[in-house]
C-alpha cells in the first residue's frame, strides 16, 4: 500500500476589511478637505470671475461676459504681451544665473575646510529673508545719496545723484542682482543636499582610472544632480514668474513699465484698477501658460529618468 502523500496545511488568509481598512482615509480626510478648500475654491472662483465683467467701481456693467475678457487679452491688450515677454526674460535670466551661482556655491561649501559650518550658514541665510525686507536692504544700497552709487562716484565711477532704479538702462540688472542675492541660496541648498548623497567610491574609482576634475564633474557629479537641477529650476521658474513682492516694492513696475511682469500687471489691474473680472481672466491665462511650460519642461528634460 503506497504511502499517503502528505498534503500541505491549508493557509487561510485573514481578510482585513471594514473600519480598519478605512481608518487611514478617515485620518487624512480633514487635511485633504482643507487642501481642497484652500486650492480648489480659489481656482474655481478665479475661473468664475474670468467669465464675468466685475468692476467694483462700475457695478452697472457687471454681469456675464463669456469669453470677452480672453478675446480682449489676446487681441486688444498690447500690455499683456509686453508683460509676458518681460516675464519670460526675467525668469530665464534669474533661473539661469541662480542655477550657475548656486551650483558654484554648493560645490564650494561641499569641500572640507576650516569654518565650513559658518560658511554654509552665511551662504544660506539670505533665503530666510522675506521679499519686502530684501527690497528694503537693496533700496538702501541703491540709494543715490547714501548707497553704493555715492561711493562709486567718489571713486570716479558714475556721477552723483544717479539712481539705478530710475534709469531704464540699469533698472533691470539692478532688480536682477537684488533677486539673485535672495534666490541663489535656494539652489545651493538643494544641490548641496544631493551632492552629499553621491557615493565617494565613484570619485575614487575615477581618480584611479586617471579622470581629472573636469571629467569627474561632467561624468559623475552632473548626472547625479540631474533630477535636483530639473526640480529646482522648475520650482524657481514658477516662483520667479509669480514674483510680485520684490519688483512691486523695489521698482513698482517702473520706470515706464520696464519691470512690470504679468503677475504684477494682474495685481495692478485688480487692486488699483478694481477690474477683478479682467484680472481673473489674466490669472487664468497665466495659469495655463505656466501649466503648459511646466509639462513641456518635464517632458523634454525626462525628469525621473535613469541618468545615473
C-alpha atoms as a PDB file:
ATOM      1  CA  UNK A   1       0.000   0.000   0.000  1.00  0.00           C
ATOM      2  CA  UNK A   2       1.506   3.237  -1.154  1.00  0.00           C
ATOM      3  CA  UNK A   3       2.309   5.791   1.470  1.00  0.00           C
ATOM      4  CA  UNK A   4      -0.197   8.573   1.525  1.00  0.00           C
ATOM      5  CA  UNK A   5       1.194  11.837   0.264  1.00  0.00           C
ATOM      6  CA  UNK A   6       1.063  14.392   2.993  1.00  0.00           C
ATOM      7  CA  UNK A   7      -0.914  17.439   1.955  1.00  0.00           C
ATOM      8  CA  UNK A   8       0.409  20.842   2.908  1.00  0.00           C
ATOM      9  CA  UNK A   9      -1.601  22.604   5.549  1.00  0.00           C
ATOM     10  CA  UNK A  10      -4.229  24.894   4.196  1.00  0.00           C
ATOM     11  CA  UNK A  11      -3.395  28.509   4.730  1.00  0.00           C
ATOM     12  CA  UNK A  12      -6.334  30.685   5.495  1.00  0.00           C
ATOM     13  CA  UNK A  13      -5.883  34.341   4.748  1.00  0.00           C
ATOM     14  CA  UNK A  14      -7.313  36.709   7.196  1.00  0.00           C
ATOM     15  CA  UNK A  15      -9.369  39.304   5.464  1.00  0.00           C
ATOM     16  CA  UNK A  16      -8.871  42.753   6.812  1.00  0.00           C
ATOM     17  CA  UNK A  17     -11.705  44.991   5.939  1.00  0.00           C
ATOM     18  CA  UNK A  18     -14.313  47.156   7.452  1.00  0.00           C
ATOM     19  CA  UNK A  19     -13.415  50.099   9.677  1.00  0.00           C
ATOM     20  CA  UNK A  20      -9.729  49.157   9.971  1.00  0.00           C
ATOM     21  CA  UNK A  21      -9.277  49.421   6.222  1.00  0.00           C
ATOM     22  CA  UNK A  22     -10.954  52.800   6.017  1.00  0.00           C
ATOM     23  CA  UNK A  23      -9.149  54.256   9.026  1.00  0.00           C
ATOM     24  CA  UNK A  24      -6.162  55.732   7.102  1.00  0.00           C
ATOM     25  CA  UNK A  25      -8.502  57.559   4.730  1.00  0.00           C
ATOM     26  CA  UNK A  26     -10.525  58.897   7.625  1.00  0.00           C
ATOM     27  CA  UNK A  27      -7.368  60.206   9.289  1.00  0.00           C
ATOM     28  CA  UNK A  28      -6.172  62.123   6.237  1.00  0.00           C
ATOM     29  CA  UNK A  29      -9.673  63.332   5.314  1.00  0.00           C
ATOM     30  CA  UNK A  30      -9.514  66.581   7.395  1.00  0.00           C
ATOM     31  CA  UNK A  31      -6.216  67.620   5.822  1.00  0.00           C
ATOM     32  CA  UNK A  32      -7.474  66.631   2.383  1.00  0.00           C
ATOM     33  CA  UNK A  33     -10.632  68.697   2.794  1.00  0.00           C
ATOM     34  CA  UNK A  34      -8.639  71.718   3.960  1.00  0.00           C
ATOM     35  CA  UNK A  35      -6.296  71.453   0.974  1.00  0.00           C
ATOM     36  CA  UNK A  36      -9.284  71.084  -1.330  1.00  0.00           C
ATOM     37  CA  UNK A  37     -10.866  74.171   0.180  1.00  0.00           C
ATOM     38  CA  UNK A  38      -7.740  76.320   0.025  1.00  0.00           C
ATOM     39  CA  UNK A  39      -6.781  75.224  -3.510  1.00  0.00           C
ATOM     40  CA  UNK A  40      -9.931  74.260  -5.386  1.00  0.00           C
ATOM     41  CA  UNK A  41     -12.173  77.088  -4.171  1.00  0.00           C
ATOM     42  CA  UNK A  42      -9.831  79.959  -5.196  1.00  0.00           C
ATOM     43  CA  UNK A  43      -9.195  78.332  -8.586  1.00  0.00           C
ATOM     44  CA  UNK A  44     -12.895  77.891  -9.262  1.00  0.00           C
ATOM     45  CA  UNK A  45     -13.590  81.449  -8.078  1.00  0.00           C
ATOM     46  CA  UNK A  46     -10.981  82.878 -10.444  1.00  0.00           C
ATOM     47  CA  UNK A  47     -12.409  80.836 -13.316  1.00  0.00           C
ATOM     48  CA  UNK A  48     -15.922  82.038 -12.473  1.00  0.00           C
ATOM     49  CA  UNK A  49     -14.982  85.723 -12.346  1.00  0.00           C
ATOM     50  CA  UNK A  50     -12.892  85.440 -15.515  1.00  0.00           C
ATOM     51  CA  UNK A  51     -16.148  84.855 -17.411  1.00  0.00           C
ATOM     52  CA  UNK A  52     -17.776  87.972 -15.968  1.00  0.00           C
ATOM     53  CA  UNK A  53     -17.453  91.728 -16.015  1.00  0.00           C
ATOM     54  CA  UNK A  54     -16.769  92.565 -12.385  1.00  0.00           C
ATOM     55  CA  UNK A  55     -15.562  96.045 -11.575  1.00  0.00           C
ATOM     56  CA  UNK A  56     -16.490  97.366  -8.135  1.00  0.00           C
ATOM     57  CA  UNK A  57     -16.295 100.973  -9.360  1.00  0.00           C
ATOM     58  CA  UNK A  58     -18.699 100.295 -12.240  1.00  0.00           C
ATOM     59  CA  UNK A  59     -21.349  97.957 -10.837  1.00  0.00           C
ATOM     60  CA  UNK A  60     -23.832  98.803 -13.621  1.00  0.00           C
ATOM     61  CA  UNK A  61     -21.551  96.997 -16.085  1.00  0.00           C
ATOM     62  CA  UNK A  62     -21.188  93.819 -14.038  1.00  0.00           C
ATOM     63  CA  UNK A  63     -22.576  90.626 -15.485  1.00  0.00           C
ATOM     64  CA  UNK A  64     -21.828  87.630 -17.622  1.00  0.00           C
ATOM     65  CA  UNK A  65     -19.176  88.330 -20.271  1.00  0.00           C
ATOM     66  CA  UNK A  66     -18.419  84.891 -21.668  1.00  0.00           C
ATOM     67  CA  UNK A  67     -15.041  84.821 -23.381  1.00  0.00           C
ATOM     68  CA  UNK A  68     -14.912  88.579 -23.991  1.00  0.00           C
ATOM     69  CA  UNK A  69     -12.169  89.057 -21.398  1.00  0.00           C
ATOM     70  CA  UNK A  70      -9.995  86.401 -23.047  1.00  0.00           C
ATOM     71  CA  UNK A  71     -10.629  87.870 -26.507  1.00  0.00           C
ATOM     72  CA  UNK A  72      -9.551  91.258 -25.222  1.00  0.00           C
ATOM     73  CA  UNK A  73      -6.380  89.775 -23.713  1.00  0.00           C
ATOM     74  CA  UNK A  74      -5.281  88.023 -26.896  1.00  0.00           C
ATOM     75  CA  UNK A  75      -6.327  90.623 -29.472  1.00  0.00           C
ATOM     76  CA  UNK A  76      -6.671  94.045 -27.844  1.00  0.00           C
ATOM     77  CA  UNK A  77      -4.205  94.314 -24.972  1.00  0.00           C
ATOM     78  CA  UNK A  78      -0.609  95.086 -26.003  1.00  0.00           C
ATOM     79  CA  UNK A  79       0.396  95.476 -22.347  1.00  0.00           C
ATOM     80  CA  UNK A  80      -0.370  91.800 -21.797  1.00  0.00           C
ATOM     81  CA  UNK A  81       2.139  90.794 -24.461  1.00  0.00           C
ATOM     82  CA  UNK A  82       4.735  93.280 -23.198  1.00  0.00           C
ATOM     83  CA  UNK A  83       4.487  91.977 -19.637  1.00  0.00           C
ATOM     84  CA  UNK A  84       4.508  88.361 -20.847  1.00  0.00           C
ATOM     85  CA  UNK A  85       7.723  88.947 -22.814  1.00  0.00           C
ATOM     86  CA  UNK A  86       9.340  90.683 -19.859  1.00  0.00           C
ATOM     87  CA  UNK A  87       8.229  87.834 -17.551  1.00  0.00           C
ATOM     88  CA  UNK A  88       9.953  85.334 -19.840  1.00  0.00           C
ATOM     89  CA  UNK A  89      13.111  87.448 -19.895  1.00  0.00           C
ATOM     90  CA  UNK A  90      13.023  87.806 -16.121  1.00  0.00           C
ATOM     91  CA  UNK A  91      12.506  84.083 -15.481  1.00  0.00           C
ATOM     92  CA  UNK A  92      15.206  82.891 -17.898  1.00  0.00           C
ATOM     93  CA  UNK A  93      17.774  85.399 -16.615  1.00  0.00           C
ATOM     94  CA  UNK A  94      17.091  84.781 -12.941  1.00  0.00           C
ATOM     95  CA  UNK A  95      16.852  80.988 -13.071  1.00  0.00           C
ATOM     96  CA  UNK A  96      19.964  80.584 -15.223  1.00  0.00           C
ATOM     97  CA  UNK A  97      22.133  82.883 -13.099  1.00  0.00           C
ATOM     98  CA  UNK A  98      20.794  81.497  -9.828  1.00  0.00           C
ATOM     99  CA  UNK A  99      21.479  77.949 -11.007  1.00  0.00           C
ATOM    100  CA  UNK A 100      25.072  78.679 -12.029  1.00  0.00           C
ATOM    101  CA  UNK A 101      25.906  80.638  -8.887  1.00  0.00           C
ATOM    102  CA  UNK A 102      24.064  78.188  -6.639  1.00  0.00           C
ATOM    103  CA  UNK A 103      25.920  75.249  -8.179  1.00  0.00           C
ATOM    104  CA  UNK A 104      29.249  77.013  -7.691  1.00  0.00           C
ATOM    105  CA  UNK A 105      28.436  77.806  -4.045  1.00  0.00           C
ATOM    106  CA  UNK A 106      27.239  74.268  -3.374  1.00  0.00           C
ATOM    107  CA  UNK A 107      30.447  72.796  -4.780  1.00  0.00           C
ATOM    108  CA  UNK A 108      32.467  75.264  -2.696  1.00  0.00           C
ATOM    109  CA  UNK A 109      30.810  74.618   0.676  1.00  0.00           C
ATOM    110  CA  UNK A 110      30.782  70.875  -0.053  1.00  0.00           C
ATOM    111  CA  UNK A 111      34.557  70.856   0.360  1.00  0.00           C
ATOM    112  CA  UNK A 112      36.186  70.248   3.730  1.00  0.00           C
ATOM    113  CA  UNK A 113      37.786  73.361   5.208  1.00  0.00           C
ATOM    114  CA  UNK A 114      38.021  75.229   8.492  1.00  0.00           C
ATOM    115  CA  UNK A 115      34.847  77.162   9.268  1.00  0.00           C
ATOM    116  CA  UNK A 116      32.690  75.257   6.768  1.00  0.00           C
ATOM    117  CA  UNK A 117      29.661  75.347   9.058  1.00  0.00           C
ATOM    118  CA  UNK A 118      29.843  79.140   9.378  1.00  0.00           C
ATOM    119  CA  UNK A 119      30.326  79.493   5.631  1.00  0.00           C
ATOM    120  CA  UNK A 120      27.232  77.374   4.954  1.00  0.00           C
ATOM    121  CA  UNK A 121      25.183  79.439   7.379  1.00  0.00           C
ATOM    122  CA  UNK A 122      26.251  82.675   5.670  1.00  0.00           C
ATOM    123  CA  UNK A 123      25.509  81.256   2.223  1.00  0.00           C
ATOM    124  CA  UNK A 124      22.048  80.028   3.176  1.00  0.00           C
ATOM    125  CA  UNK A 125      20.979  82.994   5.344  1.00  0.00           C
ATOM    126  CA  UNK A 126      19.560  85.234   2.535  1.00  0.00           C
ATOM    127  CA  UNK A 127      16.971  82.557   1.786  1.00  0.00           C
ATOM    128  CA  UNK A 128      15.393  83.194   5.194  1.00  0.00           C
ATOM    129  CA  UNK A 129      14.894  86.910   4.475  1.00  0.00           C
ATOM    130  CA  UNK A 130      11.442  87.985   3.285  1.00  0.00           C
ATOM    131  CA  UNK A 131      10.941  89.692  -0.044  1.00  0.00           C
ATOM    132  CA  UNK A 132       9.950  93.037   1.451  1.00  0.00           C
ATOM    133  CA  UNK A 133      12.965  93.068   3.783  1.00  0.00           C
ATOM    134  CA  UNK A 134      15.211  92.120   0.855  1.00  0.00           C
ATOM    135  CA  UNK A 135      13.802  95.074  -1.045  1.00  0.00           C
ATOM    136  CA  UNK A 136      14.467  97.399   1.899  1.00  0.00           C
ATOM    137  CA  UNK A 137      18.102  96.276   2.065  1.00  0.00           C
ATOM    138  CA  UNK A 138      18.687  96.801  -1.649  1.00  0.00           C
ATOM    139  CA  UNK A 139      16.837 100.109  -1.764  1.00  0.00           C
ATOM    140  CA  UNK A 140      19.274 101.375   0.858  1.00  0.00           C
ATOM    141  CA  UNK A 141      22.177 100.014  -1.178  1.00  0.00           C
ATOM    142  CA  UNK A 142      20.861 101.628  -4.362  1.00  0.00           C
ATOM    143  CA  UNK A 143      20.063 104.953  -2.657  1.00  0.00           C
ATOM    144  CA  UNK A 144      21.861 107.662  -4.697  1.00  0.00           C
ATOM    145  CA  UNK A 145      22.704 109.677  -1.573  1.00  0.00           C
ATOM    146  CA  UNK A 146      23.807 107.005   0.890  1.00  0.00           C
ATOM    147  CA  UNK A 147      24.207 103.837  -1.172  1.00  0.00           C
ATOM    148  CA  UNK A 148      26.973 102.288  -3.205  1.00  0.00           C
ATOM    149  CA  UNK A 149      26.466 104.681  -6.137  1.00  0.00           C
ATOM    150  CA  UNK A 150      27.737 107.532  -3.960  1.00  0.00           C
ATOM    151  CA  UNK A 151      30.939 105.664  -3.143  1.00  0.00           C
ATOM    152  CA  UNK A 152      31.360 104.706  -6.783  1.00  0.00           C
ATOM    153  CA  UNK A 153      31.017 108.384  -7.680  1.00  0.00           C
ATOM    154  CA  UNK A 154      33.660 109.226  -5.078  1.00  0.00           C
ATOM    155  CA  UNK A 155      35.948 106.767  -6.872  1.00  0.00           C
ATOM    156  CA  UNK A 156      35.270 108.421 -10.215  1.00  0.00           C
ATOM    157  CA  UNK A 157      32.806 105.802 -11.468  1.00  0.00           C
ATOM    158  CA  UNK A 158      29.480 107.308 -12.466  1.00  0.00           C
ATOM    159  CA  UNK A 159      28.048 110.591 -11.250  1.00  0.00           C
ATOM    160  CA  UNK A 160      26.469 111.837  -8.048  1.00  0.00           C
ATOM    161  CA  UNK A 161      22.716 111.571  -7.656  1.00  0.00           C
ATOM    162  CA  UNK A 162      22.356 108.765 -10.190  1.00  0.00           C
ATOM    163  CA  UNK A 163      19.729 106.186  -9.279  1.00  0.00           C
ATOM    164  CA  UNK A 164      19.999 102.813 -10.978  1.00  0.00           C
ATOM    165  CA  UNK A 165      16.324 102.177 -10.210  1.00  0.00           C
ATOM    166  CA  UNK A 166      15.115 105.178 -12.218  1.00  0.00           C
ATOM    167  CA  UNK A 167      17.296 104.579 -15.268  1.00  0.00           C
ATOM    168  CA  UNK A 168      15.711 102.335 -17.921  1.00  0.00           C
ATOM    169  CA  UNK A 169      19.163 101.110 -18.923  1.00  0.00           C
ATOM    170  CA  UNK A 170      20.126  99.838 -15.462  1.00  0.00           C
ATOM    171  CA  UNK A 171      16.898  99.090 -13.595  1.00  0.00           C
ATOM    172  CA  UNK A 172      16.557  95.550 -14.980  1.00  0.00           C
ATOM    173  CA  UNK A 173      20.002  94.412 -13.874  1.00  0.00           C
ATOM    174  CA  UNK A 174      19.637  96.225 -10.551  1.00  0.00           C
ATOM    175  CA  UNK A 175      16.499  94.185  -9.859  1.00  0.00           C
ATOM    176  CA  UNK A 176      18.210  91.014 -11.108  1.00  0.00           C
ATOM    177  CA  UNK A 177      21.101  91.457  -8.654  1.00  0.00           C
ATOM    178  CA  UNK A 178      18.711  92.014  -5.742  1.00  0.00           C
ATOM    179  CA  UNK A 179      16.754  88.853  -6.578  1.00  0.00           C
ATOM    180  CA  UNK A 180      19.962  86.871  -7.105  1.00  0.00           C
ATOM    181  CA  UNK A 181      21.004  87.624  -3.549  1.00  0.00           C
ATOM    182  CA  UNK A 182      17.789  86.027  -2.303  1.00  0.00           C
ATOM    183  CA  UNK A 183      17.429  83.192  -4.829  1.00  0.00           C
ATOM    184  CA  UNK A 184      20.929  81.713  -5.113  1.00  0.00           C
ATOM    185  CA  UNK A 185      20.808  80.032  -1.648  1.00  0.00           C
ATOM    186  CA  UNK A 186      17.753  78.009  -2.745  1.00  0.00           C
ATOM    187  CA  UNK A 187      19.772  76.279  -5.461  1.00  0.00           C
ATOM    188  CA  UNK A 188      22.792  75.939  -3.185  1.00  0.00           C
ATOM    189  CA  UNK A 189      20.730  74.156  -0.502  1.00  0.00           C
ATOM    190  CA  UNK A 190      19.108  71.641  -2.856  1.00  0.00           C
ATOM    191  CA  UNK A 191      22.253  70.927  -4.840  1.00  0.00           C
ATOM    192  CA  UNK A 192      24.380  70.551  -1.709  1.00  0.00           C
ATOM    193  CA  UNK A 193      21.892  68.041  -0.285  1.00  0.00           C
ATOM    194  CA  UNK A 194      22.150  65.973  -3.478  1.00  0.00           C
ATOM    195  CA  UNK A 195      25.940  66.291  -3.581  1.00  0.00           C
ATOM    196  CA  UNK A 196      26.171  64.658  -0.159  1.00  0.00           C
ATOM    197  CA  UNK A 197      24.315  61.590  -1.464  1.00  0.00           C
ATOM    198  CA  UNK A 198      26.822  60.801  -4.218  1.00  0.00           C
ATOM    199  CA  UNK A 199      28.978  57.765  -3.236  1.00  0.00           C
ATOM    200  CA  UNK A 200      32.623  58.711  -2.807  1.00  0.00           C
ATOM    201  CA  UNK A 201      33.626  55.346  -4.258  1.00  0.00           C
ATOM    202  CA  UNK A 202      32.741  56.652  -7.702  1.00  0.00           C
ATOM    203  CA  UNK A 203      35.186  59.541  -7.401  1.00  0.00           C
ATOM    204  CA  UNK A 204      37.916  57.278  -6.046  1.00  0.00           C
ATOM    205  CA  UNK A 205      37.451  54.782  -8.880  1.00  0.00           C
ATOM    206  CA  UNK A 206      37.503  57.584 -11.442  1.00  0.00           C
ATOM    207  CA  UNK A 207      40.692  59.008  -9.920  1.00  0.00           C
ATOM    208  CA  UNK A 208      42.341  55.592 -10.136  1.00  0.00           C
ATOM    209  CA  UNK A 209      41.386  55.434 -13.812  1.00  0.00           C
ATOM    210  CA  UNK A 210      43.064  58.796 -14.371  1.00  0.00           C
ATOM    211  CA  UNK A 211      39.989  61.024 -14.637  1.00  0.00           C
ATOM    212  CA  UNK A 212      40.659  64.664 -13.831  1.00  0.00           C
ATOM    213  CA  UNK A 213      38.426  67.146 -12.021  1.00  0.00           C
ATOM    214  CA  UNK A 214      36.581  68.174 -15.170  1.00  0.00           C
ATOM    215  CA  UNK A 215      35.807  64.609 -16.254  1.00  0.00           C
ATOM    216  CA  UNK A 216      34.670  63.648 -12.750  1.00  0.00           C
ATOM    217  CA  UNK A 217      32.384  66.674 -12.668  1.00  0.00           C
ATOM    218  CA  UNK A 218      30.754  66.096 -16.063  1.00  0.00           C
ATOM    219  CA  UNK A 219      30.558  62.297 -15.885  1.00  0.00           C
ATOM    220  CA  UNK A 220      29.767  61.737 -12.193  1.00  0.00           C
ATOM    221  CA  UNK A 221      28.579  64.903 -10.472  1.00  0.00           C
ATOM    222  CA  UNK A 222      26.268  66.392 -13.098  1.00  0.00           C
ATOM    223  CA  UNK A 223      24.451  63.131 -13.964  1.00  0.00           C
ATOM    224  CA  UNK A 224      23.706  62.580 -10.269  1.00  0.00           C
ATOM    225  CA  UNK A 225      22.487  66.157  -9.917  1.00  0.00           C
ATOM    226  CA  UNK A 226      20.171  65.972 -12.932  1.00  0.00           C
ATOM    227  CA  UNK A 227      16.876  65.461 -11.081  1.00  0.00           C
ATOM    228  CA  UNK A 228      17.759  68.001  -8.394  1.00  0.00           C
ATOM    229  CA  UNK A 229      18.608  70.601 -11.042  1.00  0.00           C
ATOM    230  CA  UNK A 230      15.437  69.918 -13.034  1.00  0.00           C
ATOM    231  CA  UNK A 231      13.213  70.128  -9.960  1.00  0.00           C
ATOM    232  CA  UNK A 232      14.876  73.236  -8.544  1.00  0.00           C
ATOM    233  CA  UNK A 233      14.814  75.101 -11.871  1.00  0.00           C
ATOM    234  CA  UNK A 234      11.144  74.223 -12.372  1.00  0.00           C
ATOM    235  CA  UNK A 235      10.144  75.377  -8.887  1.00  0.00           C
ATOM    236  CA  UNK A 236      12.238  78.506  -9.086  1.00  0.00           C
ATOM    237  CA  UNK A 237      10.954  79.275 -12.563  1.00  0.00           C
ATOM    238  CA  UNK A 238       7.358  79.156 -11.347  1.00  0.00           C
ATOM    239  CA  UNK A 239       8.219  81.291  -8.308  1.00  0.00           C
ATOM    240  CA  UNK A 240      10.093  83.868 -10.367  1.00  0.00           C
ATOM    241  CA  UNK A 241       7.233  84.062 -12.854  1.00  0.00           C
ATOM    242  CA  UNK A 242       4.874  84.784  -9.952  1.00  0.00           C
ATOM    243  CA  UNK A 243       7.300  87.211  -8.318  1.00  0.00           C
ATOM    244  CA  UNK A 244       5.414  90.293  -7.196  1.00  0.00           C
ATOM    245  CA  UNK A 245       6.753  91.381  -3.798  1.00  0.00           C
ATOM    246  CA  UNK A 246      10.311  92.341  -4.770  1.00  0.00           C
ATOM    247  CA  UNK A 247       9.527  94.088  -8.054  1.00  0.00           C
ATOM    248  CA  UNK A 248       6.456  95.816  -6.629  1.00  0.00           C
ATOM    249  CA  UNK A 249       8.308  97.267  -3.649  1.00  0.00           C
ATOM    250  CA  UNK A 250      11.628  97.866  -5.439  1.00  0.00           C
ATOM    251  CA  UNK A 251      10.532  99.431  -8.723  1.00  0.00           C
ATOM    252  CA  UNK A 252       6.721  99.401  -8.703  1.00  0.00           C
ATOM    253  CA  UNK A 253       6.920  98.031 -12.239  1.00  0.00           C
ATOM    254  CA  UNK A 254       8.714 101.164 -13.479  1.00  0.00           C
ATOM    255  CA  UNK A 255      10.244 103.183 -14.775  1.00  0.00           C
ATOM    256  CA  UNK A 256       7.720 103.486 -17.622  1.00  0.00           C
ATOM    257  CA  UNK A 257       6.562  99.905 -17.061  1.00  0.00           C
ATOM    258  CA  UNK A 258      10.002  98.480 -17.848  1.00  0.00           C
ATOM    259  CA  UNK A 259       9.895  95.963 -14.967  1.00  0.00           C
ATOM    260  CA  UNK A 260       6.213  95.009 -14.991  1.00  0.00           C
ATOM    261  CA  UNK A 261       5.729  91.256 -15.034  1.00  0.00           C
ATOM    262  CA  UNK A 262       2.444  89.575 -15.896  1.00  0.00           C
ATOM    263  CA  UNK A 263       1.537  88.835 -12.224  1.00  0.00           C
ATOM    264  CA  UNK A 264       2.348  92.455 -11.332  1.00  0.00           C
ATOM    265  CA  UNK A 265       0.092  93.565 -14.177  1.00  0.00           C
ATOM    266  CA  UNK A 266      -2.634  91.327 -12.753  1.00  0.00           C
ATOM    267  CA  UNK A 267      -2.178  92.860  -9.299  1.00  0.00           C
ATOM    268  CA  UNK A 268      -2.338  96.401 -10.661  1.00  0.00           C
ATOM    269  CA  UNK A 269      -5.430  95.584 -12.730  1.00  0.00           C
ATOM    270  CA  UNK A 270      -7.287  94.037  -9.818  1.00  0.00           C
ATOM    271  CA  UNK A 271      -6.149  96.143  -6.881  1.00  0.00           C
ATOM    272  CA  UNK A 272      -5.538  99.544  -8.451  1.00  0.00           C
ATOM    273  CA  UNK A 273      -7.936  99.277 -11.382  1.00  0.00           C
ATOM    274  CA  UNK A 274     -10.639  97.391  -9.429  1.00  0.00           C
ATOM    275  CA  UNK A 275     -11.337  95.299 -12.563  1.00  0.00           C
ATOM    276  CA  UNK A 276     -11.421  91.896 -10.915  1.00  0.00           C
ATOM    277  CA  UNK A 277     -13.114  90.173 -13.843  1.00  0.00           C
ATOM    278  CA  UNK A 278     -10.332  91.075 -16.267  1.00  0.00           C
ATOM    279  CA  UNK A 279      -7.674  90.386 -13.629  1.00  0.00           C
ATOM    280  CA  UNK A 280      -9.175  86.913 -13.127  1.00  0.00           C
ATOM    281  CA  UNK A 281      -9.005  86.282 -16.866  1.00  0.00           C
ATOM    282  CA  UNK A 282      -5.341  87.350 -16.884  1.00  0.00           C
ATOM    283  CA  UNK A 283      -4.684  84.987 -13.978  1.00  0.00           C
ATOM    284  CA  UNK A 284      -6.339  82.109 -15.832  1.00  0.00           C
ATOM    285  CA  UNK A 285      -4.214  82.730 -18.914  1.00  0.00           C
ATOM    286  CA  UNK A 286      -1.069  82.905 -16.761  1.00  0.00           C
ATOM    287  CA  UNK A 287      -2.017  79.608 -15.103  1.00  0.00           C
ATOM    288  CA  UNK A 288      -2.463  77.893 -18.474  1.00  0.00           C
ATOM    289  CA  UNK A 289       0.893  79.228 -19.676  1.00  0.00           C
ATOM    290  CA  UNK A 290       2.662  78.010 -16.536  1.00  0.00           C
ATOM    291  CA  UNK A 291       0.978  74.606 -16.710  1.00  0.00           C
ATOM    292  CA  UNK A 292       1.897  74.118 -20.365  1.00  0.00           C
ATOM    293  CA  UNK A 293       5.519  75.236 -19.871  1.00  0.00           C
ATOM    294  CA  UNK A 294       5.926  73.019 -16.777  1.00  0.00           C
ATOM    295  CA  UNK A 295       4.625  69.903 -18.530  1.00  0.00           C
ATOM    296  CA  UNK A 296       6.742  70.616 -21.615  1.00  0.00           C
ATOM    297  CA  UNK A 297       9.851  71.204 -19.500  1.00  0.00           C
ATOM    298  CA  UNK A 298       9.399  67.952 -17.582  1.00  0.00           C
ATOM    299  CA  UNK A 299       8.842  66.027 -20.806  1.00  0.00           C
ATOM    300  CA  UNK A 300      11.867  67.481 -22.576  1.00  0.00           C
ATOM    301  CA  UNK A 301      14.148  67.111 -19.536  1.00  0.00           C
ATOM    302  CA  UNK A 302      12.979  63.496 -18.912  1.00  0.00           C
ATOM    303  CA  UNK A 303      12.635  64.158 -15.193  1.00  0.00           C
ATOM    304  CA  UNK A 304      12.915  60.979 -13.141  1.00  0.00           C
ATOM    305  CA  UNK A 305      14.725  59.074 -15.871  1.00  0.00           C
ATOM    306  CA  UNK A 306      17.720  56.883 -15.130  1.00  0.00           C
ATOM    307  CA  UNK A 307      20.671  59.166 -15.787  1.00  0.00           C
ATOM    308  CA  UNK A 308      22.984  57.862 -13.090  1.00  0.00           C
END
